[in-house]
Amino acid sequence: MNLRSVESDHPAEWLAVLRIVVGLFFAKAIWTKMAVVMAGGVIPVPSASARWLAMMPKLVAKQAAGNPQLWYKDFLETTVLPHSQLFAQLTAWGEVIVGVLLAVGLCTGLASLLGLWLVVNYGLASYWMTPNGFGFHLMLFAILAACFGARAGRRWGLDAVIAKRKPGSMLTRRPIS
């Protein structure tokens, strides 16, 4: 076996590896941003953790303070911060949903789009704080765009099962042919 055959024979598998790793990266929000709370004092339901609900507004305030994109700074200060509890829930749930769906390869196109939305917003909020942050968000954007375009869940994912049972399913069709 030569190196050339390894490079060209398995691109779908390597993209699936990237999809799974990025999915697990997002899914870590299950442990870092989620908790089980008691609804009505009796029914356990998943929710953003008290720690994340308290930390998120501080983080956003820091990101907004020196943000050179005035339109985005205004969005953070006038929309996100006054509704920080809602945005903390949305970001925690968004990361969990993206992570789980990408890790198992289910609804990969939709999960990739949601991940792209999160990454763009996280990038706009923090790119100016450190050059490393810009590179990290750019890399995540590129991987998620590739997962969307290739429907990466069709290799080692539940999208493959759906595609096999229902060929041409909207969940597994490529957006660009």
C-alpha atoms as a PDB file:
ATOM      1  CA  MET A   1       0.000   0.000   0.000  1.00  0.00           C
ATOM      2  CA  ASN A   2       1.465   3.345  -0.986  1.00  0.00           C
ATOM      3  CA  LEU A   3       0.708   6.784   0.406  1.00  0.00           C
ATOM      4  CA  ARG A   4      -1.087   7.888  -2.754  1.00  0.00           C
ATOM      5  CA  SER A   5      -3.740   5.158  -2.435  1.00  0.00           C
ATOM      6  CA  VAL A   6      -4.433   6.090   1.195  1.00  0.00           C
ATOM      7  CA  GLU A   7      -4.906   9.752   0.249  1.00  0.00           C
ATOM      8  CA  SER A   8      -7.364   9.177  -2.551  1.00  0.00           C
ATOM      9  CA  ASP A   9      -9.313   6.097  -1.518  1.00  0.00           C
ATOM     10  CA  HIS A  10     -10.960   7.268   1.687  1.00  0.00           C
ATOM     11  CA  PRO A  11     -11.859  10.995   1.655  1.00  0.00           C
ATOM     12  CA  ALA A  12     -15.381  10.326   2.965  1.00  0.00           C
ATOM     13  CA  GLU A  13     -13.978   8.474   5.977  1.00  0.00           C
ATOM     14  CA  TRP A  14     -11.537  11.282   6.780  1.00  0.00           C
ATOM     15  CA  LEU A  15     -14.329  13.843   6.522  1.00  0.00           C
ATOM     16  CA  ALA A  16     -16.393  11.641   8.849  1.00  0.00           C
ATOM     17  CA  VAL A  17     -13.518  11.688  11.347  1.00  0.00           C
ATOM     18  CA  LEU A  18     -13.517  15.504  11.254  1.00  0.00           C
ATOM     19  CA  ARG A  19     -17.331  15.547  11.610  1.00  0.00           C
ATOM     20  CA  ILE A  20     -17.189  13.283  14.658  1.00  0.00           C
ATOM     21  CA  VAL A  21     -14.367  15.220  16.335  1.00  0.00           C
ATOM     22  CA  VAL A  22     -16.104  18.577  15.794  1.00  0.00           C
ATOM     23  CA  GLY A  23     -19.347  16.993  17.000  1.00  0.00           C
ATOM     24  CA  LEU A  24     -17.676  15.800  20.194  1.00  0.00           C
ATOM     25  CA  PHE A  25     -16.146  19.257  20.670  1.00  0.00           C
ATOM     26  CA  PHE A  26     -19.614  20.835  20.579  1.00  0.00           C
ATOM     27  CA  ALA A  27     -21.199  17.997  22.582  1.00  0.00           C
ATOM     28  CA  LYS A  28     -18.919  18.731  25.537  1.00  0.00           C
ATOM     29  CA  ALA A  29     -21.474  21.459  26.308  1.00  0.00           C
ATOM     30  CA  ILE A  30     -23.528  18.648  27.862  1.00  0.00           C
ATOM     31  CA  TRP A  31     -21.036  18.657  30.750  1.00  0.00           C
ATOM     32  CA  THR A  32     -19.857  22.283  30.661  1.00  0.00           C
ATOM     33  CA  LYS A  33     -23.100  24.201  30.046  1.00  0.00           C
ATOM     34  CA  MET A  34     -26.020  21.919  30.914  1.00  0.00           C
ATOM     35  CA  ALA A  35     -27.576  20.623  34.125  1.00  0.00           C
ATOM     36  CA  VAL A  36     -30.733  18.890  35.228  1.00  0.00           C
ATOM     37  CA  VAL A  37     -33.182  21.177  37.009  1.00  0.00           C
ATOM     38  CA  MET A  38     -36.503  20.394  38.632  1.00  0.00           C
ATOM     39  CA  ALA A  39     -39.438  21.898  36.742  1.00  0.00           C
ATOM     40  CA  GLY A  40     -42.176  22.702  39.188  1.00  0.00           C
ATOM     41  CA  GLY A  41     -39.971  21.183  41.844  1.00  0.00           C
ATOM     42  CA  VAL A  42     -40.812  17.627  40.716  1.00  0.00           C
ATOM     43  CA  ILE A  43     -39.951  16.952  37.047  1.00  0.00           C
ATOM     44  CA  PRO A  44     -36.261  16.703  36.135  1.00  0.00           C
ATOM     45  CA  VAL A  45     -35.524  18.493  32.826  1.00  0.00           C
ATOM     46  CA  PRO A  46     -32.280  19.457  31.100  1.00  0.00           C
ATOM     47  CA  SER A  47     -31.466  23.162  31.097  1.00  0.00           C
ATOM     48  CA  ALA A  48     -28.507  25.514  30.936  1.00  0.00           C
ATOM     49  CA  SER A  49     -26.551  25.220  34.171  1.00  0.00           C
ATOM     50  CA  ALA A  50     -26.601  27.938  36.813  1.00  0.00           C
ATOM     51  CA  ARG A  51     -22.855  28.314  36.233  1.00  0.00           C
ATOM     52  CA  TRP A  52     -23.356  29.014  32.497  1.00  0.00           C
ATOM     53  CA  LEU A  53     -26.319  31.328  33.173  1.00  0.00           C
ATOM     54  CA  ALA A  54     -24.074  33.382  35.478  1.00  0.00           C
ATOM     55  CA  MET A  55     -20.910  33.266  33.344  1.00  0.00           C
ATOM     56  CA  MET A  56     -22.357  33.969  29.914  1.00  0.00           C
ATOM     57  CA  PRO A  57     -23.326  37.646  30.509  1.00  0.00           C
ATOM     58  CA  LYS A  58     -19.855  38.383  31.916  1.00  0.00           C
ATOM     59  CA  LEU A  59     -18.229  36.775  28.891  1.00  0.00           C
ATOM     60  CA  VAL A  60     -20.463  38.674  26.443  1.00  0.00           C
ATOM     61  CA  ALA A  61     -19.850  41.979  28.244  1.00  0.00           C
ATOM     62  CA  LYS A  62     -16.107  41.430  27.878  1.00  0.00           C
ATOM     63  CA  GLN A  63     -16.511  40.538  24.189  1.00  0.00           C
ATOM     64  CA  ALA A  64     -18.656  43.616  23.565  1.00  0.00           C
ATOM     65  CA  ALA A  65     -16.458  46.070  25.481  1.00  0.00           C
ATOM     66  CA  GLY A  66     -13.775  46.514  22.844  1.00  0.00           C
ATOM     67  CA  ASN A  67     -15.424  44.957  19.817  1.00  0.00           C
ATOM     68  CA  PRO A  68     -14.395  47.007  16.757  1.00  0.00           C
ATOM     69  CA  GLN A  69     -17.465  45.888  14.772  1.00  0.00           C
ATOM     70  CA  LEU A  70     -19.820  48.574  16.071  1.00  0.00           C
ATOM     71  CA  TRP A  71     -22.952  46.939  14.641  1.00  0.00           C
ATOM     72  CA  TYR A  72     -22.102  43.656  16.377  1.00  0.00           C
ATOM     73  CA  LYS A  73     -21.071  45.421  19.593  1.00  0.00           C
ATOM     74  CA  ASP A  74     -24.477  47.125  19.555  1.00  0.00           C
ATOM     75  CA  PHE A  75     -26.201  43.746  19.022  1.00  0.00           C
ATOM     76  CA  LEU A  76     -24.333  42.246  21.989  1.00  0.00           C
ATOM     77  CA  GLU A  77     -25.084  45.203  24.267  1.00  0.00           C
ATOM     78  CA  THR A  78     -28.689  45.915  23.299  1.00  0.00           C
ATOM     79  CA  THR A  79     -30.003  42.441  22.471  1.00  0.00           C
ATOM     80  CA  VAL A  80     -27.868  39.690  23.980  1.00  0.00           C
ATOM     81  CA  LEU A  81     -26.996  41.192  27.361  1.00  0.00           C
ATOM     82  CA  PRO A  82     -30.543  42.317  28.289  1.00  0.00           C
ATOM     83  CA  HIS A  83     -31.756  38.817  27.384  1.00  0.00           C
ATOM     84  CA  SER A  84     -28.731  36.912  28.624  1.00  0.00           C
ATOM     85  CA  GLN A  85     -30.759  34.118  30.245  1.00  0.00           C
ATOM     86  CA  LEU A  86     -32.438  33.356  26.906  1.00  0.00           C
ATOM     87  CA  PHE A  87     -29.163  33.521  24.963  1.00  0.00           C
ATOM     88  CA  ALA A  88     -27.430  31.324  27.548  1.00  0.00           C
ATOM     89  CA  GLN A  89     -30.139  28.693  27.032  1.00  0.00           C
ATOM     90  CA  LEU A  90     -29.943  29.054  23.233  1.00  0.00           C
ATOM     91  CA  THR A  91     -26.153  28.701  23.104  1.00  0.00           C
ATOM     92  CA  ALA A  92     -26.071  25.749  25.497  1.00  0.00           C
ATOM     93  CA  TRP A  93     -28.847  23.911  23.667  1.00  0.00           C
ATOM     94  CA  GLY A  94     -27.430  24.887  20.275  1.00  0.00           C
ATOM     95  CA  GLU A  95     -24.029  23.419  21.099  1.00  0.00           C
ATOM     96  CA  VAL A  96     -25.550  20.224  22.489  1.00  0.00           C
ATOM     97  CA  ILE A  97     -27.805  19.741  19.457  1.00  0.00           C
ATOM     98  CA  VAL A  98     -25.005  20.442  16.963  1.00  0.00           C
ATOM     99  CA  GLY A  99     -22.617  18.193  18.864  1.00  0.00           C
ATOM    100  CA  VAL A 100     -24.885  15.205  19.231  1.00  0.00           C
ATOM    101  CA  LEU A 101     -26.213  15.372  15.657  1.00  0.00           C
ATOM    102  CA  LEU A 102     -22.736  15.710  14.147  1.00  0.00           C
ATOM    103  CA  ALA A 103     -21.245  12.997  16.361  1.00  0.00           C
ATOM    104  CA  VAL A 104     -23.871  10.459  15.314  1.00  0.00           C
ATOM    105  CA  GLY A 105     -24.177  11.758  11.745  1.00  0.00           C
ATOM    106  CA  LEU A 106     -27.895  12.560  11.890  1.00  0.00           C
ATOM    107  CA  CYS A 107     -29.355  15.538   9.998  1.00  0.00           C
ATOM    108  CA  THR A 108     -25.778  16.524   9.246  1.00  0.00           C
ATOM    109  CA  GLY A 109     -26.744  19.309   6.851  1.00  0.00           C
ATOM    110  CA  LEU A 110     -28.997  20.990   9.404  1.00  0.00           C
ATOM    111  CA  ALA A 111     -26.510  20.433  12.239  1.00  0.00           C
ATOM    112  CA  SER A 112     -23.709  21.910  10.116  1.00  0.00           C
ATOM    113  CA  LEU A 113     -25.787  25.012   9.334  1.00  0.00           C
ATOM    114  CA  LEU A 114     -26.624  25.521  13.007  1.00  0.00           C
ATOM    115  CA  GLY A 115     -22.950  25.018  13.873  1.00  0.00           C
ATOM    116  CA  LEU A 116     -21.971  27.563  11.216  1.00  0.00           C
ATOM    117  CA  TRP A 117     -24.409  30.065  12.735  1.00  0.00           C
ATOM    118  CA  LEU A 118     -22.900  29.546  16.203  1.00  0.00           C
ATOM    119  CA  VAL A 119     -19.310  29.740  14.936  1.00  0.00           C
ATOM    120  CA  VAL A 120     -19.947  32.931  12.959  1.00  0.00           C
ATOM    121  CA  ASN A 121     -21.518  34.580  15.994  1.00  0.00           C
ATOM    122  CA  TYR A 122     -18.818  33.377  18.387  1.00  0.00           C
ATOM    123  CA  GLY A 123     -16.196  34.549  15.904  1.00  0.00           C
ATOM    124  CA  LEU A 124     -17.758  38.005  15.485  1.00  0.00           C
ATOM    125  CA  ALA A 125     -17.929  38.374  19.258  1.00  0.00           C
ATOM    126  CA  SER A 126     -14.348  37.373  19.992  1.00  0.00           C
ATOM    127  CA  TYR A 127     -12.114  37.508  16.879  1.00  0.00           C
ATOM    128  CA  TRP A 128     -10.583  40.823  17.918  1.00  0.00           C
ATOM    129  CA  MET A 129      -9.512  39.571  21.367  1.00  0.00           C
ATOM    130  CA  THR A 130      -6.749  37.223  20.206  1.00  0.00           C
ATOM    131  CA  PRO A 131      -5.349  36.125  16.848  1.00  0.00           C
ATOM    132  CA  ASN A 132      -5.703  32.486  17.922  1.00  0.00           C
ATOM    133  CA  GLY A 133      -9.453  32.872  18.297  1.00  0.00           C
ATOM    134  CA  PHE A 134      -9.831  34.016  14.704  1.00  0.00           C
ATOM    135  CA  GLY A 135      -7.911  31.001  13.387  1.00  0.00           C
ATOM    136  CA  PHE A 136      -9.883  28.584  15.542  1.00  0.00           C
ATOM    137  CA  HIS A 137     -13.246  29.919  14.401  1.00  0.00           C
ATOM    138  CA  LEU A 138     -12.096  29.990  10.776  1.00  0.00           C
ATOM    139  CA  MET A 139     -11.038  26.328  11.021  1.00  0.00           C
ATOM    140  CA  LEU A 140     -14.379  25.313  12.571  1.00  0.00           C
ATOM    141  CA  PHE A 141     -16.210  27.277   9.877  1.00  0.00           C
ATOM    142  CA  ALA A 142     -14.311  25.479   7.104  1.00  0.00           C
ATOM    143  CA  ILE A 143     -14.930  22.022   8.598  1.00  0.00           C
ATOM    144  CA  LEU A 144     -18.629  22.700   9.140  1.00  0.00           C
ATOM    145  CA  ALA A 145     -18.989  24.093   5.600  1.00  0.00           C
ATOM    146  CA  ALA A 146     -17.345  20.922   4.231  1.00  0.00           C
ATOM    147  CA  CYS A 147     -19.638  18.738   6.357  1.00  0.00           C
ATOM    148  CA  PHE A 148     -22.651  20.642   5.038  1.00  0.00           C
ATOM    149  CA  GLY A 149     -21.593  20.494   1.413  1.00  0.00           C
ATOM    150  CA  ALA A 150     -20.613  16.828   1.485  1.00  0.00           C
ATOM    151  CA  ARG A 151     -23.400  15.664   3.814  1.00  0.00           C
ATOM    152  CA  ALA A 152     -20.718  14.039   5.897  1.00  0.00           C
ATOM    153  CA  GLY A 153     -23.225  11.972   7.867  1.00  0.00           C
ATOM    154  CA  ARG A 154     -23.558   9.578   4.960  1.00  0.00           C
ATOM    155  CA  ARG A 155     -20.332   7.905   6.050  1.00  0.00           C
ATOM    156  CA  TRP A 156     -20.339   6.347   9.513  1.00  0.00           C
ATOM    157  CA  GLY A 157     -23.538   8.161  10.418  1.00  0.00           C
ATOM    158  CA  LEU A 158     -27.262   7.721  10.805  1.00  0.00           C
ATOM    159  CA  ASP A 159     -27.810   9.763   7.631  1.00  0.00           C
ATOM    160  CA  ALA A 160     -26.368   6.747   5.782  1.00  0.00           C
ATOM    161  CA  VAL A 161     -29.070   4.523   7.269  1.00  0.00           C
ATOM    162  CA  ILE A 162     -31.746   7.009   6.195  1.00  0.00           C
ATOM    163  CA  ALA A 163     -30.238   7.335   2.708  1.00  0.00           C
ATOM    164  CA  LYS A 164     -30.223   3.557   2.324  1.00  0.00           C
ATOM    165  CA  ARG A 165     -33.831   3.157   3.458  1.00  0.00           C
ATOM    166  CA  LYS A 166     -35.159   6.284   1.716  1.00  0.00           C
ATOM    167  CA  PRO A 167     -32.915   7.201  -1.236  1.00  0.00           C
ATOM    168  CA  GLY A 168     -33.207  10.863  -2.129  1.00  0.00           C
ATOM    169  CA  SER A 169     -34.456  11.830   1.326  1.00  0.00           C
ATOM    170  CA  MET A 170     -34.282  15.561   1.961  1.00  0.00           C
ATOM    171  CA  LEU A 171     -32.107  14.849   4.997  1.00  0.00           C
ATOM    172  CA  THR A 172     -29.368  13.268   2.913  1.00  0.00           C
ATOM    173  CA  ARG A 173     -29.512  15.130  -0.420  1.00  0.00           C
ATOM    174  CA  ARG A 174     -26.535  17.287  -1.301  1.00  0.00           C
ATOM    175  CA  PRO A 175     -27.390  20.973  -1.436  1.00  0.00           C
ATOM    176  CA  ILE A 176     -24.976  21.598  -4.295  1.00  0.00           C
ATOM    177  CA  SER A 177     -24.431  18.982  -6.967  1.00  0.00           C
END
